[in-house]
Amino acid sequence: MTSDEKALHEMVYHLEAAWNAADGQSFAEAFAEDADFIHILGGYYTGRAAIEAGHRMIFGTIYKGSTVRYSVEKIRFLRPDVAIVYLRQYLQLYEGGAASDLEARPTIIADKRDGKWQIAHMQNTRITETGKAAREDHKSGSAEQSRKS
């Protein structure tokens, strides 16, 4: 693992720790001042302050008591100072007193400014049952195509 890959993994671990501490300020620290964020329900925040305020609100309401685990699935460098980080998110939350699980695929575009990686853009997409089935069909189709070749 390169030092840049390690730094990007650490950035993701920072997001996870901040979420699990319900700390909107710490969560937002990973973002550039002028970052954009599209959340899992399609809402859109511009700027670190808005990202912090939005997370502070959800940590006290709909995601109160939730825990998250992120795994880095892939890092793709577009340039030495720009990377796309593909994640898998496993979120446990409580709805009506009962535990509920939610899976998503956040995608981060990070850039290196003054030697430090920051999130320039993040979009979080929920994985639905339909999405899971389509992914499995795609995997099967790819395997089937390989057998035919």
N, C-alpha and C. Protein backbone atom coordinates (compact mmCIF):
# COMPACT_ATOMS: atom_id res chain seq x y z
N MET A 1 0.85 -1.17 0.00
CA MET A 1 0.00 0.00 0.00
C MET A 1 0.90 1.24 0.00
N THR A 2 0.59 2.17 -0.90
CA THR A 2 1.39 3.40 -0.97
C THR A 2 1.02 4.34 0.18
N SER A 3 1.82 5.35 0.39
CA SER A 3 1.51 6.32 1.45
C SER A 3 0.22 7.08 1.15
N ASP A 4 -0.06 7.35 -0.12
CA ASP A 4 -1.31 8.03 -0.47
C ASP A 4 -2.51 7.12 -0.23
N GLU A 5 -2.39 5.85 -0.58
CA GLU A 5 -3.49 4.91 -0.30
C GLU A 5 -3.72 4.80 1.20
N LYS A 6 -2.66 4.74 1.96
CA LYS A 6 -2.78 4.67 3.42
C LYS A 6 -3.48 5.92 3.96
N ALA A 7 -3.10 7.08 3.45
CA ALA A 7 -3.73 8.34 3.89
C ALA A 7 -5.22 8.37 3.55
N LEU A 8 -5.59 7.85 2.40
CA LEU A 8 -7.01 7.80 2.02
C LEU A 8 -7.78 6.82 2.91
N HIS A 9 -7.18 5.68 3.23
CA HIS A 9 -7.80 4.75 4.18
C HIS A 9 -7.98 5.43 5.54
N GLU A 10 -6.98 6.14 5.99
CA GLU A 10 -7.08 6.83 7.28
C GLU A 10 -8.18 7.88 7.26
N MET A 11 -8.37 8.55 6.14
CA MET A 11 -9.45 9.53 6.01
C MET A 11 -10.80 8.85 6.19
N VAL A 12 -10.95 7.67 5.60
CA VAL A 12 -12.19 6.91 5.73
C VAL A 12 -12.39 6.45 7.18
N TYR A 13 -11.31 5.99 7.82
CA TYR A 13 -11.42 5.57 9.23
C TYR A 13 -11.81 6.76 10.11
N HIS A 14 -11.33 7.96 9.76
CA HIS A 14 -11.71 9.17 10.49
C HIS A 14 -13.22 9.40 10.37
N LEU A 15 -13.76 9.25 9.17
CA LEU A 15 -15.21 9.41 8.97
C LEU A 15 -15.98 8.42 9.84
N GLU A 16 -15.52 7.17 9.85
CA GLU A 16 -16.18 6.12 10.63
C GLU A 16 -16.16 6.44 12.12
N ALA A 17 -15.00 6.83 12.63
CA ALA A 17 -14.87 7.14 14.06
C ALA A 17 -15.74 8.34 14.43
N ALA A 18 -15.77 9.35 13.56
CA ALA A 18 -16.59 10.54 13.83
C ALA A 18 -18.07 10.19 13.84
N TRP A 19 -18.50 9.37 12.88
CA TRP A 19 -19.91 8.95 12.83
C TRP A 19 -20.25 8.21 14.12
N ASN A 20 -19.42 7.25 14.50
CA ASN A 20 -19.72 6.43 15.67
C ASN A 20 -19.66 7.21 16.98
N ALA A 21 -19.00 8.36 16.96
CA ALA A 21 -18.98 9.26 18.12
C ALA A 21 -20.09 10.31 18.02
N ALA A 22 -20.88 10.24 16.94
CA ALA A 22 -21.95 11.23 16.67
C ALA A 22 -21.40 12.65 16.70
N ASP A 23 -20.25 12.84 16.07
CA ASP A 23 -19.55 14.12 16.10
C ASP A 23 -19.55 14.75 14.70
N GLY A 24 -20.54 15.62 14.46
CA GLY A 24 -20.68 16.27 13.16
C GLY A 24 -19.49 17.13 12.79
N GLN A 25 -18.90 17.80 13.77
CA GLN A 25 -17.74 18.64 13.49
C GLN A 25 -16.56 17.79 13.02
N SER A 26 -16.27 16.72 13.73
CA SER A 26 -15.17 15.85 13.35
C SER A 26 -15.44 15.20 11.99
N PHE A 27 -16.67 14.79 11.74
CA PHE A 27 -17.02 14.19 10.46
C PHE A 27 -16.71 15.17 9.33
N ALA A 28 -17.11 16.42 9.50
CA ALA A 28 -16.93 17.44 8.46
C ALA A 28 -15.47 17.82 8.25
N GLU A 29 -14.61 17.59 9.23
CA GLU A 29 -13.19 17.95 9.11
C GLU A 29 -12.50 17.25 7.95
N ALA A 30 -13.02 16.10 7.52
CA ALA A 30 -12.42 15.36 6.41
C ALA A 30 -12.72 16.02 5.06
N PHE A 31 -13.65 16.97 5.04
CA PHE A 31 -14.09 17.59 3.81
C PHE A 31 -13.36 18.91 3.56
N ALA A 32 -13.13 19.21 2.29
CA ALA A 32 -12.58 20.50 1.90
C ALA A 32 -13.59 21.59 2.25
N GLU A 33 -13.12 22.78 2.46
CA GLU A 33 -14.00 23.90 2.80
C GLU A 33 -15.11 24.08 1.76
N ASP A 34 -14.80 23.82 0.49
CA ASP A 34 -15.76 24.01 -0.60
C ASP A 34 -16.35 22.70 -1.12
N ALA A 35 -16.37 21.67 -0.28
CA ALA A 35 -16.83 20.34 -0.69
C ALA A 35 -18.33 20.31 -0.99
N ASP A 36 -18.70 19.31 -1.76
CA ASP A 36 -20.10 19.01 -2.05
C ASP A 36 -20.42 17.63 -1.50
N PHE A 37 -21.65 17.46 -1.01
CA PHE A 37 -22.06 16.18 -0.43
C PHE A 37 -23.51 15.91 -0.81
N ILE A 38 -23.74 14.76 -1.43
CA ILE A 38 -25.11 14.31 -1.74
C ILE A 38 -25.38 13.13 -0.81
N HIS A 39 -26.37 13.32 0.08
CA HIS A 39 -26.62 12.26 1.06
C HIS A 39 -27.54 11.17 0.51
N ILE A 40 -27.72 10.17 1.31
CA ILE A 40 -28.39 8.93 0.91
C ILE A 40 -29.84 9.14 0.45
N LEU A 41 -30.47 10.24 0.88
CA LEU A 41 -31.84 10.52 0.47
C LEU A 41 -31.90 11.51 -0.69
N GLY A 42 -30.72 11.89 -1.22
CA GLY A 42 -30.67 12.77 -2.38
C GLY A 42 -30.50 14.24 -2.07
N GLY A 43 -30.48 14.61 -0.79
CA GLY A 43 -30.26 16.00 -0.42
C GLY A 43 -28.82 16.41 -0.74
N TYR A 44 -28.60 17.71 -0.85
CA TYR A 44 -27.32 18.23 -1.34
C TYR A 44 -26.82 19.33 -0.42
N TYR A 45 -25.61 19.17 0.07
CA TYR A 45 -24.96 20.19 0.90
C TYR A 45 -23.74 20.72 0.16
N THR A 46 -23.51 22.01 0.26
CA THR A 46 -22.32 22.63 -0.29
C THR A 46 -21.56 23.30 0.84
N GLY A 47 -20.30 22.95 0.98
CA GLY A 47 -19.44 23.55 1.99
C GLY A 47 -19.37 22.74 3.26
N ARG A 48 -18.20 22.82 3.89
CA ARG A 48 -17.95 22.07 5.13
C ARG A 48 -18.94 22.44 6.23
N ALA A 49 -19.27 23.73 6.35
CA ALA A 49 -20.19 24.16 7.42
C ALA A 49 -21.56 23.51 7.25
N ALA A 50 -22.06 23.44 6.02
CA ALA A 50 -23.37 22.82 5.77
C ALA A 50 -23.31 21.31 6.02
N ILE A 51 -22.20 20.68 5.64
CA ILE A 51 -22.03 19.24 5.88
C ILE A 51 -22.01 18.98 7.39
N GLU A 52 -21.31 19.82 8.13
CA GLU A 52 -21.27 19.67 9.59
C GLU A 52 -22.67 19.84 10.19
N ALA A 53 -23.38 20.89 9.80
CA ALA A 53 -24.71 21.15 10.35
C ALA A 53 -25.67 20.00 10.03
N GLY A 54 -25.61 19.50 8.80
CA GLY A 54 -26.48 18.40 8.41
C GLY A 54 -26.21 17.14 9.23
N HIS A 55 -24.94 16.85 9.46
CA HIS A 55 -24.61 15.65 10.24
C HIS A 55 -24.89 15.85 11.73
N ARG A 56 -24.69 17.04 12.22
CA ARG A 56 -25.03 17.31 13.62
C ARG A 56 -26.52 17.06 13.83
N MET A 57 -27.35 17.48 12.86
CA MET A 57 -28.79 17.30 12.96
C MET A 57 -29.16 15.81 12.92
N ILE A 58 -28.61 15.04 11.97
CA ILE A 58 -29.02 13.64 11.87
C ILE A 58 -28.50 12.80 13.03
N PHE A 59 -27.35 13.20 13.60
CA PHE A 59 -26.82 12.46 14.75
C PHE A 59 -27.71 12.64 15.99
N GLY A 60 -28.52 13.68 15.99
CA GLY A 60 -29.44 13.91 17.10
C GLY A 60 -30.87 13.47 16.81
N THR A 61 -31.11 13.03 15.56
CA THR A 61 -32.49 12.67 15.18
C THR A 61 -32.51 11.28 14.54
N ILE A 62 -32.64 11.21 13.23
CA ILE A 62 -32.89 9.93 12.56
C ILE A 62 -31.78 8.90 12.72
N TYR A 63 -30.53 9.35 12.90
CA TYR A 63 -29.43 8.40 13.07
C TYR A 63 -28.87 8.42 14.49
N LYS A 64 -29.66 8.89 15.43
CA LYS A 64 -29.22 8.91 16.82
C LYS A 64 -28.97 7.47 17.29
N GLY A 65 -27.78 7.24 17.85
CA GLY A 65 -27.43 5.91 18.35
C GLY A 65 -26.98 4.94 17.28
N SER A 66 -26.88 5.40 16.04
CA SER A 66 -26.47 4.51 14.95
C SER A 66 -24.97 4.26 14.98
N THR A 67 -24.57 3.19 14.33
CA THR A 67 -23.14 2.91 14.16
C THR A 67 -22.91 2.57 12.68
N VAL A 68 -21.71 2.92 12.22
CA VAL A 68 -21.37 2.68 10.83
C VAL A 68 -20.03 1.97 10.74
N ARG A 69 -19.90 1.19 9.68
CA ARG A 69 -18.61 0.58 9.34
C ARG A 69 -18.42 0.80 7.85
N TYR A 70 -17.26 1.34 7.50
CA TYR A 70 -16.92 1.54 6.10
C TYR A 70 -15.82 0.56 5.70
N SER A 71 -15.88 0.09 4.48
CA SER A 71 -14.76 -0.65 3.92
C SER A 71 -14.42 -0.03 2.57
N VAL A 72 -13.14 0.11 2.33
CA VAL A 72 -12.67 0.65 1.05
C VAL A 72 -12.66 -0.50 0.06
N GLU A 73 -13.44 -0.37 -1.00
CA GLU A 73 -13.49 -1.41 -2.02
C GLU A 73 -12.45 -1.19 -3.11
N LYS A 74 -12.20 0.09 -3.42
CA LYS A 74 -11.27 0.39 -4.50
C LYS A 74 -10.85 1.85 -4.41
N ILE A 75 -9.61 2.10 -4.77
CA ILE A 75 -9.10 3.47 -4.92
C ILE A 75 -8.59 3.59 -6.34
N ARG A 76 -9.05 4.60 -7.04
CA ARG A 76 -8.61 4.85 -8.41
C ARG A 76 -8.02 6.25 -8.48
N PHE A 77 -6.75 6.35 -8.80
CA PHE A 77 -6.10 7.64 -8.94
C PHE A 77 -6.32 8.17 -10.35
N LEU A 78 -6.96 9.34 -10.44
CA LEU A 78 -7.13 9.99 -11.73
C LEU A 78 -5.87 10.77 -12.10
N ARG A 79 -5.24 11.30 -11.08
CA ARG A 79 -3.94 11.97 -11.16
C ARG A 79 -3.28 11.70 -9.81
N PRO A 80 -2.01 12.02 -9.67
CA PRO A 80 -1.37 11.77 -8.37
C PRO A 80 -2.03 12.51 -7.20
N ASP A 81 -2.76 13.60 -7.49
CA ASP A 81 -3.38 14.39 -6.43
C ASP A 81 -4.91 14.34 -6.45
N VAL A 82 -5.49 13.42 -7.22
CA VAL A 82 -6.95 13.27 -7.29
C VAL A 82 -7.27 11.78 -7.32
N ALA A 83 -8.17 11.36 -6.42
CA ALA A 83 -8.52 9.94 -6.34
C ALA A 83 -10.02 9.77 -6.15
N ILE A 84 -10.53 8.69 -6.71
CA ILE A 84 -11.90 8.26 -6.43
C ILE A 84 -11.79 7.10 -5.45
N VAL A 85 -12.54 7.19 -4.36
CA VAL A 85 -12.52 6.15 -3.33
C VAL A 85 -13.92 5.54 -3.28
N TYR A 86 -13.99 4.26 -3.61
CA TYR A 86 -15.26 3.53 -3.61
C TYR A 86 -15.38 2.80 -2.28
N LEU A 87 -16.48 3.04 -1.58
CA LEU A 87 -16.69 2.46 -0.26
C LEU A 87 -17.89 1.54 -0.24
N ARG A 88 -17.94 0.73 0.78
CA ARG A 88 -19.14 -0.02 1.15
C ARG A 88 -19.45 0.42 2.57
N GLN A 89 -20.70 0.76 2.82
CA GLN A 89 -21.13 1.24 4.13
C GLN A 89 -22.14 0.28 4.72
N TYR A 90 -21.92 -0.06 5.98
CA TYR A 90 -22.85 -0.89 6.74
C TYR A 90 -23.30 -0.06 7.93
N LEU A 91 -24.56 0.31 7.94
CA LEU A 91 -25.10 1.19 8.97
C LEU A 91 -26.15 0.44 9.78
N GLN A 92 -26.01 0.50 11.11
CA GLN A 92 -27.05 -0.05 11.97
C GLN A 92 -27.72 1.13 12.66
N LEU A 93 -29.03 1.21 12.54
CA LEU A 93 -29.78 2.30 13.15
C LEU A 93 -30.98 1.72 13.88
N TYR A 94 -31.68 2.60 14.55
CA TYR A 94 -32.83 2.17 15.34
C TYR A 94 -34.06 2.93 14.88
N GLU A 95 -35.05 2.16 14.42
CA GLU A 95 -36.31 2.72 13.96
C GLU A 95 -37.42 2.14 14.82
N GLY A 96 -38.14 3.01 15.50
CA GLY A 96 -39.21 2.55 16.36
C GLY A 96 -38.74 1.61 17.45
N GLY A 97 -37.50 1.80 17.92
CA GLY A 97 -36.95 0.98 18.99
C GLY A 97 -36.32 -0.32 18.52
N ALA A 98 -36.46 -0.64 17.24
CA ALA A 98 -35.90 -1.89 16.72
C ALA A 98 -34.66 -1.59 15.86
N ALA A 99 -33.67 -2.46 15.97
CA ALA A 99 -32.46 -2.31 15.17
C ALA A 99 -32.78 -2.61 13.70
N SER A 100 -32.16 -1.82 12.84
CA SER A 100 -32.35 -1.98 11.40
C SER A 100 -30.99 -1.80 10.73
N ASP A 101 -30.75 -2.54 9.67
CA ASP A 101 -29.50 -2.43 8.94
C ASP A 101 -29.73 -1.79 7.58
N LEU A 102 -28.76 -1.01 7.16
CA LEU A 102 -28.82 -0.33 5.88
C LEU A 102 -27.43 -0.44 5.24
N GLU A 103 -27.41 -0.77 3.97
CA GLU A 103 -26.14 -0.83 3.24
C GLU A 103 -26.14 0.24 2.16
N ALA A 104 -24.96 0.80 1.91
CA ALA A 104 -24.83 1.84 0.89
C ALA A 104 -23.46 1.76 0.23
N ARG A 105 -23.31 2.50 -0.84
CA ARG A 105 -22.05 2.60 -1.58
C ARG A 105 -21.68 4.07 -1.71
N PRO A 106 -21.03 4.64 -0.70
CA PRO A 106 -20.54 6.01 -0.85
C PRO A 106 -19.36 6.05 -1.83
N THR A 107 -19.32 7.11 -2.59
CA THR A 107 -18.20 7.36 -3.49
C THR A 107 -17.63 8.72 -3.16
N ILE A 108 -16.31 8.76 -3.00
CA ILE A 108 -15.60 9.98 -2.63
C ILE A 108 -14.68 10.39 -3.77
N ILE A 109 -14.67 11.66 -4.07
CA ILE A 109 -13.61 12.23 -4.91
C ILE A 109 -12.76 13.06 -3.96
N ALA A 110 -11.52 12.65 -3.82
CA ALA A 110 -10.61 13.32 -2.89
C ALA A 110 -9.50 14.00 -3.68
N ASP A 111 -9.06 15.13 -3.16
CA ASP A 111 -7.91 15.77 -3.77
C ASP A 111 -6.91 16.13 -2.68
N LYS A 112 -5.68 16.18 -3.11
CA LYS A 112 -4.57 16.45 -2.19
C LYS A 112 -4.22 17.92 -2.31
N ARG A 113 -4.44 18.64 -1.21
CA ARG A 113 -4.16 20.07 -1.17
C ARG A 113 -3.13 20.32 -0.08
N ASP A 114 -2.07 20.97 -0.46
CA ASP A 114 -0.99 21.27 0.49
C ASP A 114 -0.53 20.00 1.23
N GLY A 115 -0.44 18.90 0.48
CA GLY A 115 0.06 17.64 1.05
C GLY A 115 -0.94 16.85 1.86
N LYS A 116 -2.21 17.31 1.93
CA LYS A 116 -3.22 16.62 2.74
C LYS A 116 -4.42 16.24 1.88
N TRP A 117 -4.86 14.97 2.02
CA TRP A 117 -6.04 14.52 1.30
C TRP A 117 -7.30 15.04 1.98
N GLN A 118 -8.22 15.57 1.17
CA GLN A 118 -9.52 16.04 1.65
C GLN A 118 -10.59 15.58 0.69
N ILE A 119 -11.81 15.48 1.19
CA ILE A 119 -12.94 15.11 0.35
C ILE A 119 -13.43 16.35 -0.38
N ALA A 120 -13.42 16.30 -1.71
CA ALA A 120 -13.96 17.39 -2.53
C ALA A 120 -15.43 17.14 -2.83
N HIS A 121 -15.79 15.86 -2.95
CA HIS A 121 -17.17 15.49 -3.25
C HIS A 121 -17.44 14.10 -2.69
N MET A 122 -18.64 13.92 -2.17
CA MET A 122 -19.06 12.59 -1.69
C MET A 122 -20.51 12.40 -2.05
N GLN A 123 -20.82 11.22 -2.58
CA GLN A 123 -22.21 10.85 -2.84
C GLN A 123 -22.46 9.50 -2.20
N ASN A 124 -23.56 9.39 -1.48
CA ASN A 124 -23.91 8.16 -0.79
C ASN A 124 -25.15 7.58 -1.43
N THR A 125 -25.06 6.35 -1.93
CA THR A 125 -26.18 5.69 -2.61
C THR A 125 -26.57 4.44 -1.84
N ARG A 126 -27.82 4.39 -1.42
CA ARG A 126 -28.33 3.23 -0.69
C ARG A 126 -28.42 2.02 -1.62
N ILE A 127 -28.08 0.86 -1.09
CA ILE A 127 -28.22 -0.38 -1.84
C ILE A 127 -29.58 -0.97 -1.47
N THR A 128 -30.45 -1.04 -2.45
CA THR A 128 -31.79 -1.59 -2.24
C THR A 128 -31.79 -3.07 -2.61
N GLU A 129 -32.87 -3.75 -2.32
CA GLU A 129 -32.99 -5.17 -2.71
C GLU A 129 -32.88 -5.30 -4.22
N THR A 130 -33.48 -4.36 -4.95
CA THR A 130 -33.39 -4.38 -6.41
C THR A 130 -31.94 -4.21 -6.86
N GLY A 131 -31.23 -3.30 -6.20
CA GLY A 131 -29.82 -3.07 -6.53
C GLY A 131 -28.96 -4.29 -6.24
N LYS A 132 -29.22 -4.96 -5.12
CA LYS A 132 -28.49 -6.18 -4.79
C LYS A 132 -28.72 -7.25 -5.85
N ALA A 133 -29.99 -7.41 -6.27
CA ALA A 133 -30.32 -8.42 -7.27
C ALA A 133 -29.66 -8.09 -8.60
N ALA A 134 -29.66 -6.82 -8.99
CA ALA A 134 -29.03 -6.42 -10.25
C ALA A 134 -27.53 -6.70 -10.20
N ARG A 135 -26.90 -6.47 -9.08
CA ARG A 135 -25.47 -6.73 -8.94
C ARG A 135 -25.19 -8.22 -9.09
N GLU A 136 -26.02 -9.04 -8.46
CA GLU A 136 -25.84 -10.49 -8.56
C GLU A 136 -26.05 -10.95 -10.01
N ASP A 137 -27.08 -10.37 -10.69
CA ASP A 137 -27.31 -10.72 -12.09
C ASP A 137 -26.11 -10.32 -12.94
N HIS A 138 -25.54 -9.16 -12.66
CA HIS A 138 -24.38 -8.68 -13.40
C HIS A 138 -23.21 -9.63 -13.21
N LYS A 139 -23.00 -10.06 -11.96
CA LYS A 139 -21.91 -11.00 -11.68
C LYS A 139 -22.13 -12.30 -12.44
N SER A 140 -23.37 -12.80 -12.42
CA SER A 140 -23.68 -14.04 -13.12
C SER A 140 -23.49 -13.87 -14.61
N GLY A 141 -23.95 -12.74 -15.14
CA GLY A 141 -23.80 -12.46 -16.56
C GLY A 141 -22.35 -12.39 -16.97
N SER A 142 -21.52 -11.77 -16.14
CA SER A 142 -20.09 -11.67 -16.44
C SER A 142 -19.46 -13.05 -16.46
N ALA A 143 -19.83 -13.89 -15.51
CA ALA A 143 -19.29 -15.24 -15.46
C ALA A 143 -19.76 -16.03 -16.67
N GLU A 144 -21.04 -15.84 -17.02
CA GLU A 144 -21.60 -16.54 -18.17
C GLU A 144 -20.90 -16.12 -19.45
N GLN A 145 -20.65 -14.81 -19.61
CA GLN A 145 -19.96 -14.30 -20.79
C GLN A 145 -18.56 -14.89 -20.86
N SER A 146 -17.88 -15.00 -19.72
CA SER A 146 -16.53 -15.57 -19.70
C SER A 146 -16.53 -17.01 -20.15
N ARG A 147 -17.54 -17.76 -19.76
CA ARG A 147 -17.62 -19.17 -20.14
C ARG A 147 -17.86 -19.31 -21.65
N LYS A 148 -18.62 -18.36 -22.23
CA LYS A 148 -18.93 -18.42 -23.66
C LYS A 148 -17.74 -18.01 -24.52
N SER A 149 -16.84 -17.24 -23.96
CA SER A 149 -15.70 -16.73 -24.74
C SER A 149 -14.65 -17.77 -24.98
